[in-house]
PDB file of all heavy atoms in Angstrom:
ATOM      1  N   ALA A   1       2.886  -5.622  -6.079  1.00  0.00           N
ATOM      2  CA  ALA A   1       2.863  -7.053  -6.387  1.00  0.00           C
ATOM      3  C   ALA A   1       2.194  -7.353  -7.724  1.00  0.00           C
ATOM      4  O   ALA A   1       2.087  -8.512  -8.132  1.00  0.00           O
ATOM      5  CB  ALA A   1       2.147  -7.809  -5.271  1.00  0.00           C
ATOM      6  N   GLY A   2       1.726  -6.312  -8.408  1.00  0.00           N
ATOM      7  CA  GLY A   2       1.113  -6.502  -9.716  1.00  0.00           C
ATOM      8  C   GLY A   2      -0.357  -6.848  -9.665  1.00  0.00           C
ATOM      9  O   GLY A   2      -0.943  -7.242 -10.679  1.00  0.00           O
ATOM     10  N   GLU A   3      -0.969  -6.696  -8.492  1.00  0.00           N
ATOM     11  CA  GLU A   3      -2.366  -7.081  -8.331  1.00  0.00           C
ATOM     12  C   GLU A   3      -3.316  -5.979  -8.804  1.00  0.00           C
ATOM     13  O   GLU A   3      -2.962  -4.799  -8.837  1.00  0.00           O
ATOM     14  CB  GLU A   3      -2.646  -7.384  -6.854  1.00  0.00           C
ATOM     15  CG  GLU A   3      -1.806  -8.517  -6.285  1.00  0.00           C
ATOM     16  CD  GLU A   3      -1.941  -8.613  -4.773  1.00  0.00           C
ATOM     17  OE1 GLU A   3      -2.717  -7.812  -4.192  1.00  0.00           O
ATOM     18  OE2 GLU A   3      -1.261  -9.464  -4.165  1.00  0.00           O
ATOM     19  N   THR A   4      -4.521  -6.378  -9.155  1.00  0.00           N
ATOM     20  CA  THR A   4      -5.622  -5.433  -9.310  1.00  0.00           C
ATOM     21  C   THR A   4      -6.279  -5.299  -7.947  1.00  0.00           C
ATOM     22  O   THR A   4      -6.710  -6.295  -7.360  1.00  0.00           O
ATOM     23  CB  THR A   4      -6.642  -5.935 -10.344  1.00  0.00           C
ATOM     24  OG1 THR A   4      -5.986  -6.060 -11.615  1.00  0.00           O
ATOM     25  CG2 THR A   4      -7.811  -4.971 -10.468  1.00  0.00           C
ATOM     26  N   VAL A   5      -6.337  -4.082  -7.454  1.00  0.00           N
ATOM     27  CA  VAL A   5      -6.663  -3.872  -6.046  1.00  0.00           C
ATOM     28  C   VAL A   5      -7.934  -3.038  -5.902  1.00  0.00           C
ATOM     29  O   VAL A   5      -8.122  -2.033  -6.596  1.00  0.00           O
ATOM     30  CB  VAL A   5      -5.506  -3.166  -5.320  1.00  0.00           C
ATOM     31  CG1 VAL A   5      -5.834  -2.973  -3.837  1.00  0.00           C
ATOM     32  CG2 VAL A   5      -4.206  -3.953  -5.475  1.00  0.00           C
ATOM     33  N   THR A   6      -8.771  -3.477  -4.984  1.00  0.00           N
ATOM     34  CA  THR A   6      -9.904  -2.675  -4.531  1.00  0.00           C
ATOM     35  C   THR A   6      -9.815  -2.552  -3.017  1.00  0.00           C
ATOM     36  O   THR A   6      -9.660  -3.569  -2.321  1.00  0.00           O
ATOM     37  CB  THR A   6     -11.250  -3.309  -4.922  1.00  0.00           C
ATOM     38  OG1 THR A   6     -11.375  -3.282  -6.359  1.00  0.00           O
ATOM     39  CG2 THR A   6     -12.411  -2.535  -4.306  1.00  0.00           C
ATOM     40  N   VAL A   7      -9.868  -1.335  -2.531  1.00  0.00           N
ATOM     41  CA  VAL A   7      -9.794  -1.083  -1.092  1.00  0.00           C
ATOM     42  C   VAL A   7     -10.932  -0.147  -0.715  1.00  0.00           C
ATOM     43  O   VAL A   7     -11.125   0.894  -1.358  1.00  0.00           O
ATOM     44  CB  VAL A   7      -8.447  -0.431  -0.699  1.00  0.00           C
ATOM     45  CG1 VAL A   7      -8.474   0.000   0.761  1.00  0.00           C
ATOM     46  CG2 VAL A   7      -7.291  -1.384  -0.941  1.00  0.00           C
ATOM     47  N   LYS A   8     -11.681  -0.522   0.270  1.00  0.00           N
ATOM     48  CA  LYS A   8     -12.663   0.392   0.850  1.00  0.00           C
ATOM     49  C   LYS A   8     -12.401   0.413   2.347  1.00  0.00           C
ATOM     50  O   LYS A   8     -13.049  -0.286   3.119  1.00  0.00           O
ATOM     51  CB  LYS A   8     -14.090  -0.044   0.532  1.00  0.00           C
ATOM     52  CG  LYS A   8     -15.139   0.984   0.965  1.00  0.00           C
ATOM     53  CD  LYS A   8     -16.501   0.627   0.409  1.00  0.00           C
ATOM     54  CE  LYS A   8     -17.569   1.627   0.854  1.00  0.00           C
ATOM     55  NZ  LYS A   8     -17.257   3.002   0.477  1.00  0.00           N
ATOM     56  N   GLY A   9     -11.404   1.185   2.723  1.00  0.00           N
ATOM     57  CA  GLY A   9     -10.994   1.239   4.107  1.00  0.00           C
ATOM     58  C   GLY A   9     -11.653   2.373   4.864  1.00  0.00           C
ATOM     59  O   GLY A   9     -12.517   3.084   4.337  1.00  0.00           O
ATOM     60  N   GLU A  10     -11.224   2.546   6.091  1.00  0.00           N
ATOM     61  CA  GLU A  10     -11.752   3.633   6.914  1.00  0.00           C
ATOM     62  C   GLU A  10     -11.220   4.985   6.457  1.00  0.00           C
ATOM     63  O   GLU A  10     -11.890   6.010   6.594  1.00  0.00           O
ATOM     64  CB  GLU A  10     -11.381   3.401   8.377  1.00  0.00           C
ATOM     65  CG  GLU A  10     -11.984   2.137   8.974  1.00  0.00           C
ATOM     66  CD  GLU A  10     -11.506   1.904  10.390  1.00  0.00           C
ATOM     67  OE1 GLU A  10     -11.499   2.883  11.171  1.00  0.00           O
ATOM     68  OE2 GLU A  10     -11.124   0.767  10.723  1.00  0.00           O
ATOM     69  N   GLN A  11     -10.008   5.005   5.889  1.00  0.00           N
ATOM     70  CA  GLN A  11      -9.387   6.252   5.457  1.00  0.00           C
ATOM     71  C   GLN A  11      -9.017   6.252   3.975  1.00  0.00           C
ATOM     72  O   GLN A  11      -8.965   7.302   3.353  1.00  0.00           O
ATOM     73  CB  GLN A  11      -8.109   6.504   6.281  1.00  0.00           C
ATOM     74  CG  GLN A  11      -8.348   6.692   7.763  1.00  0.00           C
ATOM     75  CD  GLN A  11      -9.031   8.010   8.059  1.00  0.00           C
ATOM     76  OE1 GLN A  11      -8.598   9.063   7.625  1.00  0.00           O
ATOM     77  NE2 GLN A  11     -10.130   7.958   8.805  1.00  0.00           N
ATOM     78  N   ILE A  12      -8.722   5.092   3.413  1.00  0.00           N
ATOM     79  CA  ILE A  12      -8.239   4.990   2.043  1.00  0.00           C
ATOM     80  C   ILE A  12      -9.225   4.203   1.191  1.00  0.00           C
ATOM     81  O   ILE A  12      -9.696   3.135   1.597  1.00  0.00           O
ATOM     82  CB  ILE A  12      -6.866   4.282   1.989  1.00  0.00           C
ATOM     83  CG1 ILE A  12      -5.851   4.978   2.906  1.00  0.00           C
ATOM     84  CG2 ILE A  12      -6.353   4.194   0.553  1.00  0.00           C
ATOM     85  CD1 ILE A  12      -5.502   6.391   2.519  1.00  0.00           C
ATOM     86  N   SER A  13      -9.525   4.730   0.005  1.00  0.00           N
ATOM     87  CA  SER A  13     -10.387   4.020  -0.948  1.00  0.00           C
ATOM     88  C   SER A  13      -9.700   3.949  -2.300  1.00  0.00           C
ATOM     89  O   SER A  13      -9.011   4.889  -2.717  1.00  0.00           O
ATOM     90  CB  SER A  13     -11.738   4.741  -1.097  1.00  0.00           C
ATOM     91  OG  SER A  13     -12.460   4.693   0.117  1.00  0.00           O
ATOM     92  N   PHE A  14      -9.913   2.825  -2.981  1.00  0.00           N
ATOM     93  CA  PHE A  14      -9.324   2.615  -4.304  1.00  0.00           C
ATOM     94  C   PHE A  14     -10.149   1.525  -4.979  1.00  0.00           C
ATOM     95  O   PHE A  14     -10.425   0.490  -4.372  1.00  0.00           O
ATOM     96  CB  PHE A  14      -7.860   2.178  -4.156  1.00  0.00           C
ATOM     97  CG  PHE A  14      -7.084   2.110  -5.440  1.00  0.00           C
ATOM     98  CD1 PHE A  14      -6.786   3.260  -6.154  1.00  0.00           C
ATOM     99  CD2 PHE A  14      -6.627   0.889  -5.927  1.00  0.00           C
ATOM    100  CE1 PHE A  14      -6.050   3.206  -7.331  1.00  0.00           C
ATOM    101  CE2 PHE A  14      -5.897   0.817  -7.100  1.00  0.00           C
ATOM    102  CZ  PHE A  14      -5.600   1.985  -7.799  1.00  0.00           C
ATOM    103  N   HIS A  15     -10.530   1.755  -6.235  1.00  0.00           N
ATOM    104  CA  HIS A  15     -11.463   0.818  -6.862  1.00  0.00           C
ATOM    105  C   HIS A  15     -10.874   0.203  -8.121  1.00  0.00           C
ATOM    106  O   HIS A  15     -10.632   0.893  -9.123  1.00  0.00           O
ATOM    107  CB  HIS A  15     -12.784   1.518  -7.211  1.00  0.00           C
ATOM    108  CG  HIS A  15     -13.788   0.612  -7.862  1.00  0.00           C
ATOM    109  ND1 HIS A  15     -14.413  -0.426  -7.183  1.00  0.00           N
ATOM    110  CD2 HIS A  15     -14.242   0.565  -9.142  1.00  0.00           C
ATOM    111  CE1 HIS A  15     -15.217  -1.051  -8.014  1.00  0.00           C
ATOM    112  NE2 HIS A  15     -15.133  -0.479  -9.206  1.00  0.00           N
ATOM    113  N   ASP A  16     -10.633  -1.102  -8.068  1.00  0.00           N
ATOM    114  CA  ASP A  16     -10.341  -1.908  -9.250  1.00  0.00           C
ATOM    115  C   ASP A  16      -9.218  -1.304 -10.098  1.00  0.00           C
ATOM    116  O   ASP A  16      -9.346  -1.142 -11.306  1.00  0.00           O
ATOM    117  CB  ASP A  16     -11.611  -2.057 -10.093  1.00  0.00           C
ATOM    118  CG  ASP A  16     -11.493  -3.191 -11.111  1.00  0.00           C
ATOM    119  OD1 ASP A  16     -10.754  -4.156 -10.837  1.00  0.00           O
ATOM    120  OD2 ASP A  16     -12.131  -3.086 -12.179  1.00  0.00           O
ATOM    121  N   GLY A  17      -8.100  -0.993  -9.439  1.00  0.00           N
ATOM    122  CA  GLY A  17      -6.986  -0.385 -10.156  1.00  0.00           C
ATOM    123  C   GLY A  17      -5.713  -1.210 -10.051  1.00  0.00           C
ATOM    124  O   GLY A  17      -5.548  -2.026  -9.145  1.00  0.00           O
ATOM    125  N   ARG A  18      -4.816  -0.985 -11.007  1.00  0.00           N
ATOM    126  CA  ARG A  18      -3.520  -1.662 -10.992  1.00  0.00           C
ATOM    127  C   ARG A  18      -2.505  -0.774 -11.707  1.00  0.00           C
ATOM    128  O   ARG A  18      -2.874   0.136 -12.452  1.00  0.00           O
ATOM    129  CB  ARG A  18      -3.598  -3.032 -11.669  1.00  0.00           C
ATOM    130  CG  ARG A  18      -3.965  -2.997 -13.137  1.00  0.00           C
ATOM    131  CD  ARG A  18      -4.015  -4.402 -13.740  1.00  0.00           C
ATOM    132  NE  ARG A  18      -2.704  -5.031 -13.703  1.00  0.00           N
ATOM    133  CZ  ARG A  18      -2.512  -6.332 -13.451  1.00  0.00           C
ATOM    134  NH1 ARG A  18      -3.550  -7.118 -13.193  1.00  0.00           N
ATOM    135  NH2 ARG A  18      -1.299  -6.843 -13.464  1.00  0.00           N
ATOM    136  N   LEU A  19      -1.237  -1.046 -11.490  1.00  0.00           N
ATOM    137  CA  LEU A  19      -0.188  -0.320 -12.198  1.00  0.00           C
ATOM    138  C   LEU A  19      -0.134  -0.793 -13.644  1.00  0.00           C
ATOM    139  O   LEU A  19      -0.386  -1.963 -13.943  1.00  0.00           O
ATOM    140  CB  LEU A  19       1.169  -0.546 -11.529  1.00  0.00           C
ATOM    141  CG  LEU A  19       1.332  -0.009 -10.098  1.00  0.00           C
ATOM    142  CD1 LEU A  19       2.742  -0.284  -9.579  1.00  0.00           C
ATOM    143  CD2 LEU A  19       1.026   1.485 -10.026  1.00  0.00           C
ATOM    144  N   ASN A  20       0.233   0.128 -14.519  1.00  0.00           N
ATOM    145  CA  ASN A  20       0.268  -0.177 -15.941  1.00  0.00           C
ATOM    146  C   ASN A  20       1.643  -0.680 -16.382  1.00  0.00           C
ATOM    147  O   ASN A  20       1.956  -0.698 -17.567  1.00  0.00           O
ATOM    148  CB  ASN A  20      -0.108   1.066 -16.754  1.00  0.00           C
ATOM    149  CG  ASN A  20      -0.459   0.721 -18.192  1.00  0.00           C
ATOM    150  OD1 ASN A  20      -1.015  -0.333 -18.461  1.00  0.00           O
ATOM    151  ND2 ASN A  20      -0.109   1.603 -19.112  1.00  0.00           N
ATOM    152  N   PHE A  21       2.475  -1.066 -15.422  1.00  0.00           N
ATOM    153  CA  PHE A  21       3.788  -1.623 -15.733  1.00  0.00           C
ATOM    154  C   PHE A  21       4.160  -2.582 -14.614  1.00  0.00           C
ATOM    155  O   PHE A  21       3.605  -2.518 -13.509  1.00  0.00           O
ATOM    156  CB  PHE A  21       4.849  -0.523 -15.877  1.00  0.00           C
ATOM    157  CG  PHE A  21       5.072   0.290 -14.624  1.00  0.00           C
ATOM    158  CD1 PHE A  21       6.154   0.045 -13.790  1.00  0.00           C
ATOM    159  CD2 PHE A  21       4.196   1.324 -14.274  1.00  0.00           C
ATOM    160  CE1 PHE A  21       6.367   0.798 -12.643  1.00  0.00           C
ATOM    161  CE2 PHE A  21       4.398   2.086 -13.124  1.00  0.00           C
ATOM    162  CZ  PHE A  21       5.492   1.818 -12.305  1.00  0.00           C
ATOM    163  N   ALA A  22       5.079  -3.459 -14.892  1.00  0.00           N
ATOM    164  CA  ALA A  22       5.512  -4.434 -13.889  1.00  0.00           C
ATOM    165  C   ALA A  22       6.647  -3.820 -13.075  1.00  0.00           C
ATOM    166  O   ALA A  22       7.708  -3.511 -13.622  1.00  0.00           O
ATOM    167  CB  ALA A  22       5.994  -5.709 -14.562  1.00  0.00           C
ATOM    168  N   PRO A  23       6.456  -3.605 -11.776  1.00  0.00           N
ATOM    169  CA  PRO A  23       7.527  -3.056 -10.956  1.00  0.00           C
ATOM    170  C   PRO A  23       8.774  -3.930 -10.992  1.00  0.00           C
ATOM    171  O   PRO A  23       8.686  -5.161 -11.119  1.00  0.00           O
ATOM    172  CB  PRO A  23       6.914  -3.027  -9.557  1.00  0.00           C
ATOM    173  CG  PRO A  23       5.442  -2.970  -9.782  1.00  0.00           C
ATOM    174  CD  PRO A  23       5.213  -3.797 -11.016  1.00  0.00           C
ATOM    175  N   ARG A  24       9.920  -3.295 -10.911  1.00  0.00           N
ATOM    176  CA  ARG A  24      11.175  -4.051 -10.890  1.00  0.00           C
ATOM    177  C   ARG A  24      11.192  -5.033  -9.731  1.00  0.00           C
ATOM    178  O   ARG A  24      11.650  -6.158  -9.853  1.00  0.00           O
ATOM    179  CB  ARG A  24      12.350  -3.085 -10.785  1.00  0.00           C
ATOM    180  CG  ARG A  24      13.712  -3.791 -10.696  1.00  0.00           C
ATOM    181  CD  ARG A  24      14.833  -2.810 -10.419  1.00  0.00           C
ATOM    182  NE  ARG A  24      16.082  -3.505 -10.179  1.00  0.00           N
ATOM    183  CZ  ARG A  24      17.011  -3.750 -11.094  1.00  0.00           C
ATOM    184  NH1 ARG A  24      16.807  -3.358 -12.336  1.00  0.00           N
ATOM    185  NH2 ARG A  24      18.129  -4.386 -10.772  1.00  0.00           N
ATOM    186  N   ARG A  25      10.706  -4.578  -8.558  1.00  0.00           N
ATOM    187  CA  ARG A  25      10.631  -5.452  -7.373  1.00  0.00           C
ATOM    188  C   ARG A  25       9.211  -5.462  -6.849  1.00  0.00           C
ATOM    189  O   ARG A  25       8.578  -4.413  -6.727  1.00  0.00           O
ATOM    190  CB  ARG A  25      11.577  -4.965  -6.270  1.00  0.00           C
ATOM    191  CG  ARG A  25      13.049  -5.133  -6.580  1.00  0.00           C
ATOM    192  CD  ARG A  25      13.878  -4.746  -5.362  1.00  0.00           C
ATOM    193  NE  ARG A  25      13.746  -3.325  -5.038  1.00  0.00           N
ATOM    194  CZ  ARG A  25      14.206  -2.778  -3.902  1.00  0.00           C
ATOM    195  NH1 ARG A  25      14.797  -3.531  -2.983  1.00  0.00           N
ATOM    196  NH2 ARG A  25      14.071  -1.481  -3.695  1.00  0.00           N
ATOM    197  N   ARG A  26       8.732  -6.629  -6.503  1.00  0.00           N
ATOM    198  CA  ARG A  26       7.401  -6.746  -5.914  1.00  0.00           C
ATOM    199  C   ARG A  26       7.403  -6.310  -4.454  1.00  0.00           C
ATOM    200  O   ARG A  26       6.349  -6.053  -3.886  1.00  0.00           O
ATOM    201  CB  ARG A  26       6.928  -8.197  -5.999  1.00  0.00           C
ATOM    202  CG  ARG A  26       6.722  -8.707  -7.404  1.00  0.00           C
ATOM    203  CD  ARG A  26       6.494 -10.212  -7.427  1.00  0.00           C
ATOM    204  NE  ARG A  26       5.309 -10.603  -6.665  1.00  0.00           N
ATOM    205  CZ  ARG A  26       4.098 -10.715  -7.176  1.00  0.00           C
ATOM    206  NH1 ARG A  26       3.904 -10.456  -8.462  1.00  0.00           N
ATOM    207  NH2 ARG A  26       3.092 -11.097  -6.441  1.00  0.00           N
ATOM    208  N   ALA A  27       8.573  -6.243  -3.853  1.00  0.00           N
ATOM    209  CA  ALA A  27       8.659  -5.966  -2.412  1.00  0.00           C
ATOM    210  C   ALA A  27       9.652  -4.850  -2.137  1.00  0.00           C
ATOM    211  O   ALA A  27      10.689  -5.046  -1.502  1.00  0.00           O
ATOM    212  CB  ALA A  27       9.051  -7.228  -1.649  1.00  0.00           C
ATOM    213  N   VAL A  28       9.365  -3.643  -2.634  1.00  0.00           N
ATOM    214  CA  VAL A  28      10.153  -2.474  -2.252  1.00  0.00           C
ATOM    215  C   VAL A  28      10.044  -2.309  -0.729  1.00  0.00           C
ATOM    216  O   VAL A  28       8.933  -2.361  -0.182  1.00  0.00           O
ATOM    217  CB  VAL A  28       9.633  -1.207  -2.963  1.00  0.00           C
ATOM    218  CG1 VAL A  28      10.306   0.047  -2.418  1.00  0.00           C
ATOM    219  CG2 VAL A  28       9.840  -1.315  -4.469  1.00  0.00           C
ATOM    220  N   PRO A  29      11.160  -2.146  -0.021  1.00  0.00           N
ATOM    221  CA  PRO A  29      11.071  -2.008   1.442  1.00  0.00           C
ATOM    222  C   PRO A  29      10.230  -0.796   1.846  1.00  0.00           C
ATOM    223  O   PRO A  29      10.332   0.272   1.245  1.00  0.00           O
ATOM    224  CB  PRO A  29      12.536  -1.821   1.867  1.00  0.00           C
ATOM    225  CG  PRO A  29      13.338  -2.394   0.747  1.00  0.00           C
ATOM    226  CD  PRO A  29      12.542  -2.138  -0.505  1.00  0.00           C
ATOM    227  N   ILE A  30       9.392  -1.001   2.853  1.00  0.00           N
ATOM    228  CA  ILE A  30       8.532   0.070   3.367  1.00  0.00           C
ATOM    229  C   ILE A  30       8.827   0.263   4.852  1.00  0.00           C
ATOM    230  O   ILE A  30       8.798  -0.697   5.625  1.00  0.00           O
ATOM    231  CB  ILE A  30       7.042  -0.256   3.158  1.00  0.00           C
ATOM    232  CG1 ILE A  30       6.737  -0.421   1.662  1.00  0.00           C
ATOM    233  CG2 ILE A  30       6.170   0.848   3.754  1.00  0.00           C
ATOM    234  CD1 ILE A  30       5.291  -0.785   1.359  1.00  0.00           C
ATOM    235  N   TYR A  31       9.101   1.515   5.212  1.00  0.00           N
ATOM    236  CA  TYR A  31       9.391   1.882   6.597  1.00  0.00           C
ATOM    237  C   TYR A  31       8.317   2.857   7.074  1.00  0.00           C
ATOM    238  O   TYR A  31       7.973   3.793   6.357  1.00  0.00           O
ATOM    239  CB  TYR A  31      10.765   2.545   6.714  1.00  0.00           C
ATOM    240  CG  TYR A  31      11.946   1.614   6.550  1.00  0.00           C
ATOM    241  CD1 TYR A  31      12.112   0.846   5.404  1.00  0.00           C
ATOM    242  CD2 TYR A  31      12.917   1.519   7.540  1.00  0.00           C
ATOM    243  CE1 TYR A  31      13.194  -0.002   5.244  1.00  0.00           C
ATOM    244  CE2 TYR A  31      14.013   0.678   7.394  1.00  0.00           C
ATOM    245  CZ  TYR A  31      14.144  -0.079   6.241  1.00  0.00           C
ATOM    246  OH  TYR A  31      15.222  -0.911   6.100  1.00  0.00           O
ATOM    247  N   VAL A  32       7.810   2.622   8.262  1.00  0.00           N
ATOM    248  CA  VAL A  32       6.783   3.496   8.839  1.00  0.00           C
ATOM    249  C   VAL A  32       7.413   4.350   9.936  1.00  0.00           C
ATOM    250  O   VAL A  32       8.072   3.834  10.845  1.00  0.00           O
ATOM    251  CB  VAL A  32       5.610   2.681   9.412  1.00  0.00           C
ATOM    252  CG1 VAL A  32       4.712   3.553  10.280  1.00  0.00           C
ATOM    253  CG2 VAL A  32       4.798   2.058   8.281  1.00  0.00           C
ATOM    254  N   ALA A  33       7.202   5.655   9.847  1.00  0.00           N
ATOM    255  CA  ALA A  33       7.733   6.596  10.827  1.00  0.00           C
ATOM    256  C   ALA A  33       6.624   7.072  11.749  1.00  0.00           C
ATOM    257  O   ALA A  33       5.542   7.435  11.289  1.00  0.00           O
ATOM    258  CB  ALA A  33       8.363   7.799  10.129  1.00  0.00           C
ATOM    259  N   SER A  34       6.909   7.056  13.041  1.00  0.00           N
ATOM    260  CA  SER A  34       5.922   7.550  14.007  1.00  0.00           C
ATOM    261  C   SER A  34       6.586   7.862  15.328  1.00  0.00           C
ATOM    262  O   SER A  34       7.564   7.228  15.718  1.00  0.00           O
ATOM    263  CB  SER A  34       4.816   6.519  14.229  1.00  0.00           C
ATOM    264  OG  SER A  34       3.820   7.034  15.098  1.00  0.00           O
ATOM    265  N   GLN A  35       6.026   8.844  16.019  1.00  0.00           N
ATOM    266  CA  GLN A  35       6.431   9.157  17.390  1.00  0.00           C
ATOM    267  C   GLN A  35       5.490   8.499  18.398  1.00  0.00           C
ATOM    268  O   GLN A  35       5.824   8.432  19.582  1.00  0.00           O
ATOM    269  CB  GLN A  35       6.371  10.667  17.638  1.00  0.00           C
ATOM    270  CG  GLN A  35       7.155  11.522  16.670  1.00  0.00           C
ATOM    271  CD  GLN A  35       8.637  11.304  16.807  1.00  0.00           C
ATOM    272  OE1 GLN A  35       9.251  10.655  15.971  1.00  0.00           O
ATOM    273  NE2 GLN A  35       9.213  11.807  17.856  1.00  0.00           N
ATOM    274  N   ARG A  36       4.345   8.062  17.941  1.00  0.00           N
ATOM    275  CA  ARG A  36       3.279   7.638  18.844  1.00  0.00           C
ATOM    276  C   ARG A  36       3.135   6.121  18.869  1.00  0.00           C
ATOM    277  O   ARG A  36       3.538   5.409  17.951  1.00  0.00           O
ATOM    278  CB  ARG A  36       1.962   8.263  18.401  1.00  0.00           C
ATOM    279  CG  ARG A  36       2.015   9.776  18.271  1.00  0.00           C
ATOM    280  CD  ARG A  36       1.852  10.464  19.594  1.00  0.00           C
ATOM    281  NE  ARG A  36       1.906  11.914  19.487  1.00  0.00           N
ATOM    282  CZ  ARG A  36       1.433  12.755  20.398  1.00  0.00           C
ATOM    283  NH1 ARG A  36       0.868  12.270  21.501  1.00  0.00           N
ATOM    284  NH2 ARG A  36       1.528  14.046  20.229  1.00  0.00           N
ATOM    285  N   ALA A  37       2.488   5.634  19.927  1.00  0.00           N
ATOM    286  CA  ALA A  37       2.361   4.193  20.116  1.00  0.00           C
ATOM    287  C   ALA A  37       1.585   3.539  18.978  1.00  0.00           C
ATOM    288  O   ALA A  37       1.981   2.481  18.470  1.00  0.00           O
ATOM    289  CB  ALA A  37       1.693   3.906  21.458  1.00  0.00           C
ATOM    290  N   ALA A  38       0.471   4.136  18.557  1.00  0.00           N
ATOM    291  CA  ALA A  38      -0.347   3.516  17.516  1.00  0.00           C
ATOM    292  C   ALA A  38       0.441   3.365  16.219  1.00  0.00           C
ATOM    293  O   ALA A  38       0.379   2.327  15.551  1.00  0.00           O
ATOM    294  CB  ALA A  38      -1.611   4.340  17.276  1.00  0.00           C
ATOM    295  N   GLY A  39       1.199   4.391  15.845  1.00  0.00           N
ATOM    296  CA  GLY A  39       1.996   4.329  14.632  1.00  0.00           C
ATOM    297  C   GLY A  39       3.128   3.323  14.737  1.00  0.00           C
ATOM    298  O   GLY A  39       3.438   2.616  13.770  1.00  0.00           O
ATOM    299  N   CYS A  40       3.773   3.256  15.901  1.00  0.00           N
ATOM    300  CA  CYS A  40       4.841   2.278  16.095  1.00  0.00           C
ATOM    301  C   CYS A  40       4.302   0.852  16.011  1.00  0.00           C
ATOM    302  O   CYS A  40       4.962  -0.044  15.455  1.00  0.00           O
ATOM    303  CB  CYS A  40       5.533   2.512  17.441  1.00  0.00           C
ATOM    304  SG  CYS A  40       6.568   3.990  17.501  1.00  0.00           S
ATOM    305  N   ARG A  41       3.107   0.638  16.540  1.00  0.00           N
ATOM    306  CA  ARG A  41       2.508  -0.701  16.439  1.00  0.00           C
ATOM    307  C   ARG A  41       2.177  -1.051  14.994  1.00  0.00           C
ATOM    308  O   ARG A  41       2.322  -2.203  14.577  1.00  0.00           O
ATOM    309  CB  ARG A  41       1.266  -0.798  17.330  1.00  0.00           C
ATOM    310  CG  ARG A  41       1.591  -0.956  18.809  1.00  0.00           C
ATOM    311  CD  ARG A  41       0.362  -1.348  19.605  1.00  0.00           C
ATOM    312  NE  ARG A  41      -0.576  -0.250  19.726  1.00  0.00           N
ATOM    313  CZ  ARG A  41      -0.602   0.617  20.743  1.00  0.00           C
ATOM    314  NH1 ARG A  41       0.275   0.491  21.729  1.00  0.00           N
ATOM    315  NH2 ARG A  41      -1.494   1.579  20.789  1.00  0.00           N
TER     316      ARG A  41
END
C-alpha cells in the first residue's frame, strides 16, 4: 500500500521500512494455504 511500516509482532519484526518504488497494485491478491484449523481461520 506504499506505507512506512513498523511491526513488532510475536513472530515478525520490521522497523520503519517501506518499498523504494510504487507497486503497480496496492492490493495484490493474497491466498493463505493451510491444512490446520488455525491456518484456515
